[in-house]
C-alpha atoms as a PDB file:
ATOM      1  CA  MET A   1       7.140  10.415  -8.726  1.00  0.00           C
ATOM      2  CA  ILE A   2       5.706  13.797  -7.675  1.00  0.00           C
ATOM      3  CA  LYS A   3       4.481  15.908 -10.569  1.00  0.00           C
ATOM      4  CA  LYS A   4       6.238  19.272 -10.775  1.00  0.00           C
ATOM      5  CA  GLN A   5       3.591  21.978 -10.949  1.00  0.00           C
ATOM      6  CA  LYS A   6       3.847  25.655 -11.827  1.00  0.00           C
ATOM      7  CA  ILE A   7       2.657  27.313  -8.621  1.00  0.00           C
ATOM      8  CA  VAL A   8       2.248  31.065  -8.256  1.00  0.00           C
ATOM      9  CA  VAL A   9       2.020  32.329  -4.667  1.00  0.00           C
ATOM     10  CA  ILE A  10       0.551  35.832  -4.490  1.00  0.00           C
ATOM     11  CA  GLY A  11       1.634  37.842  -1.446  1.00  0.00           C
ATOM     12  CA  ALA A  12       4.978  37.752   0.399  1.00  0.00           C
ATOM     13  CA  GLY A  13       3.811  38.260   3.959  1.00  0.00           C
ATOM     14  CA  ILE A  14       4.395  35.525   6.542  1.00  0.00           C
ATOM     15  CA  VAL A  15       1.740  33.265   4.953  1.00  0.00           C
ATOM     16  CA  GLY A  16       2.953  33.593   1.353  1.00  0.00           C
ATOM     17  CA  ALA A  17       6.599  33.254   2.412  1.00  0.00           C
ATOM     18  CA  SER A  18       5.801  30.109   4.432  1.00  0.00           C
ATOM     19  CA  MET A  19       3.856  28.661   1.491  1.00  0.00           C
ATOM     20  CA  ALA A  20       6.665  29.421  -0.988  1.00  0.00           C
ATOM     21  CA  TYR A  21       9.223  27.864   1.363  1.00  0.00           C
ATOM     22  CA  ASN A  22       7.245  24.653   1.920  1.00  0.00           C
ATOM     23  CA  LEU A  23       6.353  24.263  -1.775  1.00  0.00           C
ATOM     24  CA  SER A  24       9.833  25.006  -3.133  1.00  0.00           C
ATOM     25  CA  LYS A  25      11.621  22.695  -0.733  1.00  0.00           C
ATOM     26  CA  ARG A  26       9.505  19.911  -2.225  1.00  0.00           C
ATOM     27  CA  LYS A  27      10.841  20.674  -5.704  1.00  0.00           C
ATOM     28  CA  GLN A  28       7.863  22.554  -7.144  1.00  0.00           C
ATOM     29  CA  ASP A  29       8.209  25.318  -9.745  1.00  0.00           C
ATOM     30  CA  VAL A  30       7.317  28.244  -7.473  1.00  0.00           C
ATOM     31  CA  THR A  31       6.946  31.930  -8.319  1.00  0.00           C
ATOM     32  CA  LEU A  32       6.287  34.285  -5.402  1.00  0.00           C
ATOM     33  CA  ILE A  33       4.887  37.670  -6.403  1.00  0.00           C
ATOM     34  CA  GLU A  34       4.654  40.727  -4.196  1.00  0.00           C
ATOM     35  CA  SER A  35       3.238  44.157  -5.033  1.00  0.00           C
ATOM     36  CA  HIS A  36       5.739  45.974  -2.767  1.00  0.00           C
ATOM     37  CA  SER A  37       9.479  46.379  -3.273  1.00  0.00           C
ATOM     38  CA  THR A  38      10.245  43.994  -0.403  1.00  0.00           C
ATOM     39  CA  ALA A  39       8.666  41.082   1.464  1.00  0.00           C
ATOM     40  CA  ALA A  40       6.865  41.462   4.812  1.00  0.00           C
ATOM     41  CA  CYS A  41       4.995  44.688   4.227  1.00  0.00           C
ATOM     42  CA  GLU A  42       1.369  45.305   5.251  1.00  0.00           C
ATOM     43  CA  ALA A  43       0.051  43.201   8.178  1.00  0.00           C
ATOM     44  CA  THR A  44       3.247  41.167   8.712  1.00  0.00           C
ATOM     45  CA  GLU A  45       5.436  44.243   9.158  1.00  0.00           C
ATOM     46  CA  LYS A  46       3.028  45.650  11.743  1.00  0.00           C
ATOM     47  CA  SER A  47       2.526  42.439  13.687  1.00  0.00           C
ATOM     48  CA  PHE A  48       3.249  42.045  17.394  1.00  0.00           C
ATOM     49  CA  ALA A  49       4.429  38.559  16.339  1.00  0.00           C
ATOM     50  CA  TRP A  50       3.521  36.680  19.512  1.00  0.00           C
ATOM     51  CA  ILE A  51       3.519  32.902  19.004  1.00  0.00           C
ATOM     52  CA  ASN A  52       0.399  32.538  21.066  1.00  0.00           C
ATOM     53  CA  PRO A  53      -1.437  29.204  20.878  1.00  0.00           C
ATOM     54  CA  SER A  54      -3.113  29.422  24.269  1.00  0.00           C
ATOM     55  CA  GLY A  55      -6.231  31.445  23.505  1.00  0.00           C
ATOM     56  CA  ARG A  56      -9.752  30.046  23.656  1.00  0.00           C
ATOM     57  CA  VAL A  57     -10.565  28.492  20.308  1.00  0.00           C
ATOM     58  CA  LEU A  58     -13.300  26.264  18.945  1.00  0.00           C
ATOM     59  CA  LYS A  59     -12.658  22.563  19.398  1.00  0.00           C
ATOM     60  CA  ASN A  60     -12.428  21.812  15.656  1.00  0.00           C
ATOM     61  CA  PHE A  61      -9.542  24.326  15.297  1.00  0.00           C
ATOM     62  CA  GLN A  62      -7.755  23.539  18.575  1.00  0.00           C
ATOM     63  CA  HIS A  63      -5.369  20.980  17.010  1.00  0.00           C
ATOM     64  CA  LEU A  64      -3.880  23.658  14.722  1.00  0.00           C
ATOM     65  CA  TYR A  65      -3.066  25.897  17.682  1.00  0.00           C
ATOM     66  CA  ASN A  66      -1.777  22.956  19.731  1.00  0.00           C
ATOM     67  CA  ALA A  67       0.708  22.142  16.946  1.00  0.00           C
ATOM     68  CA  THR A  68       2.253  25.618  16.682  1.00  0.00           C
ATOM     69  CA  LEU A  69       5.029  25.418  19.275  1.00  0.00           C
ATOM     70  CA  ASP A  70       6.326  22.063  17.980  1.00  0.00           C
ATOM     71  CA  GLU A  71       6.123  23.417  14.426  1.00  0.00           C
ATOM     72  CA  TYR A  72       8.263  26.443  15.301  1.00  0.00           C
ATOM     73  CA  HIS A  73      10.791  24.197  17.075  1.00  0.00           C
ATOM     74  CA  ARG A  74      10.909  22.036  13.928  1.00  0.00           C
ATOM     75  CA  LEU A  75      11.483  25.145  11.815  1.00  0.00           C
ATOM     76  CA  GLU A  76      14.337  26.167  14.134  1.00  0.00           C
ATOM     77  CA  GLN A  77      16.015  22.815  13.447  1.00  0.00           C
ATOM     78  CA  GLU A  78      15.608  23.304   9.672  1.00  0.00           C
ATOM     79  CA  LEU A  79      16.707  26.940   9.670  1.00  0.00           C
ATOM     80  CA  PRO A  80      19.472  27.566  12.208  1.00  0.00           C
ATOM     81  CA  GLU A  81      19.453  31.282  11.260  1.00  0.00           C
ATOM     82  CA  LEU A  82      15.880  31.621  12.523  1.00  0.00           C
ATOM     83  CA  LYS A  83      15.816  33.604  15.758  1.00  0.00           C
ATOM     84  CA  ILE A  84      12.902  32.942  18.099  1.00  0.00           C
ATOM     85  CA  ASN A  85      12.710  34.549  21.527  1.00  0.00           C
ATOM     86  CA  TRP A  86      11.331  31.769  23.723  1.00  0.00           C
ATOM     87  CA  HIS A  87      10.939  34.208  26.605  1.00  0.00           C
ATOM     88  CA  GLY A  88       7.432  33.205  27.692  1.00  0.00           C
ATOM     89  CA  ALA A  89       4.382  35.410  28.107  1.00  0.00           C
ATOM     90  CA  LEU A  90       3.406  37.013  31.389  1.00  0.00           C
ATOM     91  CA  THR A  91      -0.224  38.107  31.798  1.00  0.00           C
ATOM     92  CA  TRP A  92      -2.359  39.580  34.536  1.00  0.00           C
ATOM     93  CA  GLY A  93      -5.389  41.822  34.851  1.00  0.00           C
ATOM     94  CA  VAL A  94      -6.806  40.570  31.540  1.00  0.00           C
ATOM     95  CA  PRO A  95      -9.286  37.710  31.004  1.00  0.00           C
ATOM     96  CA  ALA A  96      -7.627  34.317  31.337  1.00  0.00           C
ATOM     97  CA  ASN A  97      -7.253  32.203  28.242  1.00  0.00           C
ATOM     98  CA  ASN A  98      -7.442  28.430  28.507  1.00  0.00           C
ATOM     99  CA  GLU A  99      -5.859  27.271  31.740  1.00  0.00           C
ATOM    100  CA  LYS A 100      -3.473  24.882  30.072  1.00  0.00           C
ATOM    101  CA  ALA A 101      -0.907  22.588  31.630  1.00  0.00           C
ATOM    102  CA  ARG A 102       1.888  24.800  30.387  1.00  0.00           C
ATOM    103  CA  ILE A 103       0.651  27.936  32.160  1.00  0.00           C
ATOM    104  CA  GLN A 104       2.124  28.536  35.613  1.00  0.00           C
ATOM    105  CA  LYS A 105       0.739  30.817  38.306  1.00  0.00           C
ATOM    106  CA  LEU A 106       3.464  33.085  39.666  1.00  0.00           C
ATOM    107  CA  ASN A 107       3.489  35.059  42.917  1.00  0.00           C
ATOM    108  CA  ARG A 108       4.785  38.584  43.351  1.00  0.00           C
ATOM    109  CA  GLN A 109       8.364  37.533  44.166  1.00  0.00           C
ATOM    110  CA  GLN A 110       8.546  35.299  41.102  1.00  0.00           C
ATOM    111  CA  ILE A 111       7.257  38.119  38.885  1.00  0.00           C
ATOM    112  CA  ILE A 112       9.881  40.502  40.298  1.00  0.00           C
ATOM    113  CA  ALA A 113      12.594  37.925  39.511  1.00  0.00           C
ATOM    114  CA  LEU A 114      11.372  37.657  35.893  1.00  0.00           C
ATOM    115  CA  GLU A 115      10.746  41.360  35.315  1.00  0.00           C
ATOM    116  CA  PRO A 116      12.980  43.436  37.618  1.00  0.00           C
ATOM    117  CA  LYS A 117      12.361  46.716  35.747  1.00  0.00           C
ATOM    118  CA  LEU A 118       8.639  47.087  36.515  1.00  0.00           C
ATOM    119  CA  LYS A 119       7.622  49.822  38.958  1.00  0.00           C
ATOM    120  CA  GLU A 120       4.423  48.102  40.129  1.00  0.00           C
ATOM    121  CA  TYR A 121       3.736  44.402  40.587  1.00  0.00           C
ATOM    122  CA  PRO A 122       0.552  42.360  40.850  1.00  0.00           C
ATOM    123  CA  GLU A 123       0.150  39.778  43.599  1.00  0.00           C
ATOM    124  CA  GLU A 124      -0.240  37.044  40.996  1.00  0.00           C
ATOM    125  CA  ALA A 125       0.272  36.520  37.245  1.00  0.00           C
ATOM    126  CA  ARG A 126      -0.016  33.742  34.682  1.00  0.00           C
ATOM    127  CA  PHE A 127       3.161  32.686  32.899  1.00  0.00           C
ATOM    128  CA  ALA A 128       3.037  30.727  29.623  1.00  0.00           C
ATOM    129  CA  TYR A 129       6.660  29.693  29.936  1.00  0.00           C
ATOM    130  CA  ASP A 130       7.082  28.029  26.529  1.00  0.00           C
ATOM    131  CA  GLU A 131       5.550  30.755  24.347  1.00  0.00           C
ATOM    132  CA  GLY A 132       7.702  33.059  22.284  1.00  0.00           C
ATOM    133  CA  ALA A 133       7.859  35.751  19.642  1.00  0.00           C
ATOM    134  CA  ILE A 134       9.727  36.467  16.442  1.00  0.00           C
ATOM    135  CA  ASP A 135      10.881  39.440  14.448  1.00  0.00           C
ATOM    136  CA  PRO A 136       8.172  39.201  11.774  1.00  0.00           C
ATOM    137  CA  ILE A 137      10.139  41.039   9.083  1.00  0.00           C
ATOM    138  CA  SER A 138      13.436  39.149   9.370  1.00  0.00           C
ATOM    139  CA  THR A 139      11.602  35.796   9.732  1.00  0.00           C
ATOM    140  CA  THR A 140       9.541  36.393   6.584  1.00  0.00           C
ATOM    141  CA  LYS A 141      12.591  37.524   4.635  1.00  0.00           C
ATOM    142  CA  LEU A 142      14.491  34.435   5.789  1.00  0.00           C
ATOM    143  CA  LEU A 143      11.682  32.168   4.521  1.00  0.00           C
ATOM    144  CA  VAL A 144      11.706  33.996   1.170  1.00  0.00           C
ATOM    145  CA  LYS A 145      15.508  33.653   0.959  1.00  0.00           C
ATOM    146  CA  LYS A 146      15.306  29.922   1.713  1.00  0.00           C
ATOM    147  CA  ALA A 147      12.517  29.479  -0.852  1.00  0.00           C
ATOM    148  CA  ALA A 148      14.784  31.165  -3.428  1.00  0.00           C
ATOM    149  CA  GLU A 149      17.643  28.817  -2.466  1.00  0.00           C
ATOM    150  CA  HIS A 150      15.254  25.933  -3.216  1.00  0.00           C
ATOM    151  CA  GLY A 151      14.619  27.424  -6.660  1.00  0.00           C
ATOM    152  CA  ALA A 152      11.636  29.734  -6.111  1.00  0.00           C
ATOM    153  CA  ASN A 153      11.464  32.813  -8.319  1.00  0.00           C
ATOM    154  CA  LEU A 154      10.700  36.077  -6.471  1.00  0.00           C
ATOM    155  CA  LEU A 155       9.020  38.926  -8.370  1.00  0.00           C
ATOM    156  CA  LEU A 156       8.838  42.159  -6.352  1.00  0.00           C
ATOM    157  CA  ASP A 157       6.972  45.308  -7.426  1.00  0.00           C
ATOM    158  CA  THR A 158       4.567  42.979  -9.220  1.00  0.00           C
ATOM    159  CA  LYS A 159       0.873  43.466  -8.553  1.00  0.00           C
ATOM    160  CA  ALA A 160      -1.592  40.670  -9.286  1.00  0.00           C
ATOM    161  CA  LEU A 161      -4.348  42.274 -11.363  1.00  0.00           C
ATOM    162  CA  GLN A 162      -6.629  39.429 -12.419  1.00  0.00           C
ATOM    163  CA  ILE A 163      -6.632  35.664 -12.178  1.00  0.00           C
ATOM    164  CA  LYS A 164      -7.317  33.957 -15.514  1.00  0.00           C
ATOM    165  CA  LYS A 165      -9.204  30.712 -15.888  1.00  0.00           C
ATOM    166  CA  GLU A 166     -10.305  28.641 -18.846  1.00  0.00           C
ATOM    167  CA  GLY A 167     -13.571  26.899 -18.034  1.00  0.00           C
ATOM    168  CA  ALA A 168     -13.163  25.845 -14.417  1.00  0.00           C
ATOM    169  CA  GLN A 169      -9.338  25.606 -14.539  1.00  0.00           C
ATOM    170  CA  ILE A 170      -6.844  28.265 -13.422  1.00  0.00           C
ATOM    171  CA  VAL A 171      -4.327  29.025 -16.176  1.00  0.00           C
ATOM    172  CA  GLY A 172      -2.424  31.976 -14.732  1.00  0.00           C
ATOM    173  CA  VAL A 173      -2.499  35.538 -13.485  1.00  0.00           C
ATOM    174  CA  HIS A 174      -2.294  38.918 -15.207  1.00  0.00           C
ATOM    175  CA  THR A 175       0.155  41.126 -13.311  1.00  0.00           C
ATOM    176  CA  SER A 176       1.537  44.648 -13.616  1.00  0.00           C
ATOM    177  CA  ASN A 177       4.584  42.997 -15.232  1.00  0.00           C
ATOM    178  CA  GLY A 178       2.774  40.708 -17.665  1.00  0.00           C
ATOM    179  CA  PHE A 179       1.023  37.345 -17.622  1.00  0.00           C
ATOM    180  CA  ILE A 180       2.342  34.417 -15.548  1.00  0.00           C
ATOM    181  CA  GLU A 181       1.184  30.887 -16.335  1.00  0.00           C
ATOM    182  CA  ALA A 182       0.183  28.653 -13.447  1.00  0.00           C
ATOM    183  CA  ASP A 183      -1.256  25.229 -12.687  1.00  0.00           C
ATOM    184  CA  VAL A 184      -2.001  26.389  -9.131  1.00  0.00           C
ATOM    185  CA  ILE A 185      -2.398  29.869  -7.675  1.00  0.00           C
ATOM    186  CA  VAL A 186      -2.090  30.332  -3.918  1.00  0.00           C
ATOM    187  CA  LEU A 187      -3.827  33.476  -2.683  1.00  0.00           C
ATOM    188  CA  ALA A 188      -1.950  34.733   0.378  1.00  0.00           C
ATOM    189  CA  THR A 189      -2.832  38.421   0.037  1.00  0.00           C
ATOM    190  CA  GLY A 190      -4.338  38.883   3.490  1.00  0.00           C
ATOM    191  CA  ALA A 191      -7.077  41.491   3.797  1.00  0.00           C
ATOM    192  CA  SER A 192      -7.037  42.194   0.047  1.00  0.00           C
ATOM    193  CA  LEU A 193      -7.774  38.554  -0.853  1.00  0.00           C
ATOM    194  CA  PRO A 194     -11.516  39.119  -1.499  1.00  0.00           C
ATOM    195  CA  GLU A 195     -10.837  41.620  -4.304  1.00  0.00           C
ATOM    196  CA  LEU A 196      -9.001  38.971  -6.392  1.00  0.00           C
ATOM    197  CA  CYS A 197     -11.819  36.479  -5.799  1.00  0.00           C
ATOM    198  CA  LYS A 198     -14.799  38.697  -6.644  1.00  0.00           C
ATOM    199  CA  PRO A 199     -14.189  38.756 -10.438  1.00  0.00           C
ATOM    200  CA  LEU A 200     -14.092  34.934 -10.292  1.00  0.00           C
ATOM    201  CA  GLY A 201     -17.678  34.984  -9.038  1.00  0.00           C
ATOM    202  CA  PHE A 202     -17.388  34.283  -5.322  1.00  0.00           C
ATOM    203  CA  ASP A 203     -16.999  36.145  -2.047  1.00  0.00           C
ATOM    204  CA  VAL A 204     -14.563  35.404   0.759  1.00  0.00           C
ATOM    205  CA  PRO A 205     -15.778  36.695   4.148  1.00  0.00           C
ATOM    206  CA  VAL A 206     -12.547  38.417   5.197  1.00  0.00           C
ATOM    207  CA  ALA A 207     -12.378  42.033   6.377  1.00  0.00           C
ATOM    208  CA  PRO A 208      -9.458  44.228   7.452  1.00  0.00           C
ATOM    209  CA  SER A 209      -9.150  44.439  11.245  1.00  0.00           C
ATOM    210  CA  PRO A 210      -6.894  47.361  12.203  1.00  0.00           C
ATOM    211  CA  SER A 211      -4.427  47.237  15.071  1.00  0.00           C
ATOM    212  CA  ILE A 212      -1.772  49.684  16.225  1.00  0.00           C
ATOM    213  CA  MET A 213       1.933  48.899  16.562  1.00  0.00           C
ATOM    214  CA  ILE A 214       4.216  51.259  18.492  1.00  0.00           C
ATOM    215  CA  ARG A 215       8.007  51.028  18.111  1.00  0.00           C
ATOM    216  CA  MET A 216      10.388  52.626  20.608  1.00  0.00           C
ATOM    217  CA  LYS A 217      14.147  52.958  20.829  1.00  0.00           C
ATOM    218  CA  SER A 218      15.397  51.473  24.060  1.00  0.00           C
ATOM    219  CA  LYS A 219      18.859  52.062  25.552  1.00  0.00           C
ATOM    220  CA  GLU A 220      18.734  48.728  27.359  1.00  0.00           C
ATOM    221  CA  ARG A 221      16.494  45.681  27.702  1.00  0.00           C
ATOM    222  CA  LEU A 222      13.638  46.879  29.924  1.00  0.00           C
ATOM    223  CA  ILE A 223      11.327  43.870  29.424  1.00  0.00           C
ATOM    224  CA  HIS A 224      12.503  40.244  29.507  1.00  0.00           C
ATOM    225  CA  THR A 225       9.326  38.285  28.759  1.00  0.00           C
ATOM    226  CA  LEU A 226       6.288  39.365  26.763  1.00  0.00           C
ATOM    227  CA  ILE A 227       3.960  41.300  29.069  1.00  0.00           C
ATOM    228  CA  SER A 228       0.214  41.563  28.531  1.00  0.00           C
ATOM    229  CA  ASN A 229      -1.884  43.302  31.173  1.00  0.00           C
ATOM    230  CA  SER A 230      -4.706  45.837  31.435  1.00  0.00           C
ATOM    231  CA  GLN A 231      -2.218  48.728  31.086  1.00  0.00           C
ATOM    232  CA  PHE A 232      -0.061  47.595  28.158  1.00  0.00           C
ATOM    233  CA  GLU A 233       1.031  44.762  25.870  1.00  0.00           C
ATOM    234  CA  ALA A 234       4.742  45.045  25.136  1.00  0.00           C
ATOM    235  CA  ARG A 235       7.962  43.156  24.519  1.00  0.00           C
ATOM    236  CA  GLN A 236      11.549  43.750  23.463  1.00  0.00           C
ATOM    237  CA  LEU A 237      11.956  43.130  19.743  1.00  0.00           C
ATOM    238  CA  SER A 238      15.721  43.438  20.258  1.00  0.00           C
ATOM    239  CA  ASP A 239      18.051  44.911  22.872  1.00  0.00           C
ATOM    240  CA  ASP A 240      17.520  48.386  21.442  1.00  0.00           C
ATOM    241  CA  THR A 241      13.891  48.189  20.262  1.00  0.00           C
ATOM    242  CA  LEU A 242      10.751  47.810  22.335  1.00  0.00           C
ATOM    243  CA  ILE A 243       7.345  47.303  20.706  1.00  0.00           C
ATOM    244  CA  ALA A 244       3.802  47.629  22.030  1.00  0.00           C
ATOM    245  CA  ALA A 245       0.449  46.633  20.544  1.00  0.00           C
ATOM    246  CA  GLU A 246      -2.825  48.497  21.038  1.00  0.00           C
ATOM    247  CA  ASP A 247      -6.388  48.117  19.791  1.00  0.00           C
ATOM    248  CA  TYR A 248      -7.552  50.487  17.093  1.00  0.00           C
ATOM    249  CA  ILE A 249     -10.585  52.634  18.066  1.00  0.00           C
ATOM    250  CA  ASP A 250     -11.252  55.231  15.348  1.00  0.00           C
ATOM    251  CA  GLU A 251      -9.682  58.110  13.413  1.00  0.00           C
ATOM    252  CA  SER A 252     -10.689  60.888  15.815  1.00  0.00           C
ATOM    253  CA  GLU A 253      -8.135  63.242  17.315  1.00  0.00           C
ATOM    254  CA  GLU A 254      -8.788  61.842  20.779  1.00  0.00           C
ATOM    255  CA  ASN A 255      -8.798  58.126  19.910  1.00  0.00           C
ATOM    256  CA  GLY A 256      -6.942  57.997  16.595  1.00  0.00           C
ATOM    257  CA  PRO A 257      -3.819  55.845  16.156  1.00  0.00           C
ATOM    258  CA  ASP A 258      -1.410  58.689  16.996  1.00  0.00           C
ATOM    259  CA  ALA A 259      -3.221  59.537  20.228  1.00  0.00           C
ATOM    260  CA  ILE A 260      -3.415  55.870  21.284  1.00  0.00           C
ATOM    261  CA  GLY A 261       0.218  55.279  20.340  1.00  0.00           C
ATOM    262  CA  LYS A 262       1.424  58.277  22.335  1.00  0.00           C
ATOM    263  CA  ARG A 263      -0.638  57.199  25.357  1.00  0.00           C
ATOM    264  CA  ALA A 264       0.895  53.707  25.175  1.00  0.00           C
ATOM    265  CA  PHE A 265       4.365  55.250  24.938  1.00  0.00           C
ATOM    266  CA  ASP A 266       3.690  57.427  28.008  1.00  0.00           C
ATOM    267  CA  ILE A 267       2.354  54.432  29.976  1.00  0.00           C
ATOM    268  CA  LEU A 268       5.538  52.444  29.302  1.00  0.00           C
ATOM    269  CA  ARG A 269       7.732  55.414  30.229  1.00  0.00           C
ATOM    270  CA  ARG A 270       5.872  55.619  33.550  1.00  0.00           C
ATOM    271  CA  HIS A 271       5.647  51.888  34.329  1.00  0.00           C
ATOM    272  CA  LEU A 272       9.257  50.878  33.669  1.00  0.00           C
ATOM    273  CA  ASN A 273      12.397  51.763  35.583  1.00  0.00           C
ATOM    274  CA  GLY A 274      14.497  53.305  32.818  1.00  0.00           C
ATOM    275  CA  GLY A 275      11.344  54.027  30.822  1.00  0.00           C
ATOM    276  CA  GLU A 276      12.213  57.720  30.715  1.00  0.00           C
ATOM    277  CA  THR A 277      15.024  56.852  28.254  1.00  0.00           C
ATOM    278  CA  LEU A 278      12.595  55.360  25.696  1.00  0.00           C
ATOM    279  CA  GLU A 279      12.270  57.269  22.411  1.00  0.00           C
ATOM    280  CA  LEU A 280       9.185  56.995  20.231  1.00  0.00           C
ATOM    281  CA  GLU A 281      10.162  55.698  16.778  1.00  0.00           C
ATOM    282  CA  SER A 282       6.887  55.021  14.948  1.00  0.00           C
ATOM    283  CA  ILE A 283       3.152  54.428  15.294  1.00  0.00           C
ATOM    284  CA  LYS A 284       1.681  52.303  12.505  1.00  0.00           C
ATOM    285  CA  VAL A 285      -1.700  50.777  11.762  1.00  0.00           C
ATOM    286  CA  GLY A 286      -1.690  47.204  10.463  1.00  0.00           C
ATOM    287  CA  MET A 287      -4.685  45.779   8.604  1.00  0.00           C
ATOM    288  CA  ARG A 288      -4.974  42.211   9.824  1.00  0.00           C
ATOM    289  CA  PRO A 289      -7.079  39.907   7.628  1.00  0.00           C
ATOM    290  CA  MET A 290      -9.959  38.755   9.804  1.00  0.00           C
ATOM    291  CA  PRO A 291     -12.194  35.937   8.540  1.00  0.00           C
ATOM    292  CA  GLU A 292     -15.823  36.433   9.581  1.00  0.00           C
ATOM    293  CA  ASP A 293     -15.666  33.728  12.283  1.00  0.00           C
ATOM    294  CA  GLY A 294     -12.051  34.500  13.272  1.00  0.00           C
ATOM    295  CA  TYR A 295     -10.631  31.212  11.971  1.00  0.00           C
ATOM    296  CA  PRO A 296      -8.401  30.369   8.974  1.00  0.00           C
ATOM    297  CA  ILE A 297      -9.782  29.933   5.464  1.00  0.00           C
ATOM    298  CA  VAL A 298      -7.537  27.414   3.733  1.00  0.00           C
ATOM    299  CA  GLY A 299      -7.899  25.041   0.806  1.00  0.00           C
ATOM    300  CA  PHE A 300      -8.732  24.571  -2.859  1.00  0.00           C
ATOM    301  CA  HIS A 301     -11.862  26.269  -4.121  1.00  0.00           C
ATOM    302  CA  ASP A 302     -14.630  23.713  -4.676  1.00  0.00           C
ATOM    303  CA  ARG A 303     -15.457  24.809  -8.219  1.00  0.00           C
ATOM    304  CA  ILE A 304     -12.293  26.496  -9.546  1.00  0.00           C
ATOM    305  CA  LYS A 305      -9.555  23.954 -10.166  1.00  0.00           C
ATOM    306  CA  GLY A 306      -6.122  25.108  -9.096  1.00  0.00           C
ATOM    307  CA  LEU A 307      -7.172  28.054  -6.905  1.00  0.00           C
ATOM    308  CA  TYR A 308      -5.916  27.694  -3.327  1.00  0.00           C
ATOM    309  CA  LEU A 309      -6.870  30.116  -0.535  1.00  0.00           C
ATOM    310  CA  ALA A 310      -4.664  30.787   2.493  1.00  0.00           C
ATOM    311  CA  VAL A 311      -5.809  33.548   4.852  1.00  0.00           C
ATOM    312  CA  MET A 312      -5.712  33.566   8.640  1.00  0.00           C
ATOM    313  CA  HIS A 313      -5.313  35.446  11.886  1.00  0.00           C
ATOM    314  CA  SER A 314      -3.045  35.193  13.757  1.00  0.00           C
ATOM    315  CA  ALA A 315      -0.810  34.366  10.812  1.00  0.00           C
ATOM    316  CA  ILE A 316       2.366  34.533  12.906  1.00  0.00           C
ATOM    317  CA  THR A 317       1.067  31.776  15.180  1.00  0.00           C
ATOM    318  CA  LEU A 318      -0.500  29.595  12.503  1.00  0.00           C
ATOM    319  CA  ALA A 319       1.424  30.079   9.228  1.00  0.00           C
ATOM    320  CA  PRO A 320       4.194  27.478   9.732  1.00  0.00           C
ATOM    321  CA  THR A 321       1.769  24.672  10.623  1.00  0.00           C
ATOM    322  CA  ILE A 322      -0.888  25.527   8.063  1.00  0.00           C
ATOM    323  CA  SER A 323       1.529  26.164   5.184  1.00  0.00           C
ATOM    324  CA  ARG A 324       3.203  22.765   5.648  1.00  0.00           C
ATOM    325  CA  LEU A 325      -0.189  21.003   5.606  1.00  0.00           C
ATOM    326  CA  ALA A 326      -1.334  23.147   2.662  1.00  0.00           C
ATOM    327  CA  ALA A 327       1.816  22.273   0.674  1.00  0.00           C
ATOM    328  CA  ASN A 328       0.972  18.593   1.192  1.00  0.00           C
ATOM    329  CA  GLU A 329      -2.527  19.191  -0.192  1.00  0.00           C
ATOM    330  CA  ILE A 330      -1.218  21.012  -3.257  1.00  0.00           C
ATOM    331  CA  ILE A 331       1.666  18.666  -4.087  1.00  0.00           C
ATOM    332  CA  ASP A 332       0.131  15.302  -3.146  1.00  0.00           C
ATOM    333  CA  ASN A 333      -3.371  16.188  -4.342  1.00  0.00           C
ATOM    334  CA  ALA A 334      -4.658  14.985  -0.970  1.00  0.00           C
ATOM    335  CA  ARG A 335      -7.083  16.495   1.504  1.00  0.00           C
ATOM    336  CA  MET A 336      -5.406  16.896   4.883  1.00  0.00           C
ATOM    337  CA  LYS A 337      -7.907  16.100   7.619  1.00  0.00           C
ATOM    338  CA  GLU A 338      -6.229  18.695   9.869  1.00  0.00           C
ATOM    339  CA  LEU A 339      -7.437  21.428   7.487  1.00  0.00           C
ATOM    340  CA  GLU A 340     -11.027  20.223   6.998  1.00  0.00           C
ATOM    341  CA  SER A 341     -12.398  22.762   9.496  1.00  0.00           C
ATOM    342  CA  CYS A 342     -10.730  25.598   7.522  1.00  0.00           C
ATOM    343  CA  ARG A 343     -12.646  25.287   4.241  1.00  0.00           C
ATOM    344  CA  LEU A 344     -14.401  28.252   2.638  1.00  0.00           C
ATOM    345  CA  SER A 345     -17.499  26.041   2.220  1.00  0.00           C
ATOM    346  CA  ARG A 346     -18.296  26.370   5.949  1.00  0.00           C
ATOM    347  CA  PHE A 347     -19.693  29.855   5.382  1.00  0.00           C
END
């Protein structure tokens, strides 16, 4: 018989929503708290949301990336409302990631067939045919809704102020709406995770890593896959919305987010047939939580009983796999070998 625990998940981005979903569907007493008035704000809202497992990663993390596509397909079976665009990712002119079995080399004619709206074509491109992307906001909100259907309690506009412990045991969290008791607290607050940990006497090496997300209104579907090249990284979020991702440089007039966003918008207008009909909707900076070595930090704290950390980049790629494994650790009181490389103690 599994013991029912009071579990408070702090943060309703993609990681917190995935954790709440996996914990609640296994009959735990879950409360999900979020400082904003809705789920999927902060980094999740401003994510390019590419399910991208094919980058170069260290060997002891590779298995987590390898599992992501199967995990998303499993989630699709569980949640028929989940919409994933399995349109593949087309790259050229940028450094190659791992040459994996599932990456095809395409010639110019094949690229034209896939992306008929481009004005210029390379002679060759790499096509990761089984990769995809999601709408990060609607996916996160769906996970929160499903967690609620499994009995999770959602508290919006509720800021976690301080975690309370007695001796070495977590007992709950002080919030802007009062104290909430807990046997386990899951910290899924992204880049702001270190500030809740510091008063408990330890540091978590996670820093905000800014990136720029550009949204455009599109009269028709101008891009069919996800395109990443030296000029732009863009995809259709829906038939009438196109999004592009750019690296953040600084806050200067010349290289600030607005300037970079407008340049990206102009590049897409020039590089796509029909691009002149695009309308700029928004330019936003997302603060991605970046662990010092770039890899997830997941697991119970060694010396504080009941405190569970869950922070990662890219959360869109990794959250479904990691949250399922993490839920097993929390509920079954077992250490999952798949998560051993993710412990805070490695730093």
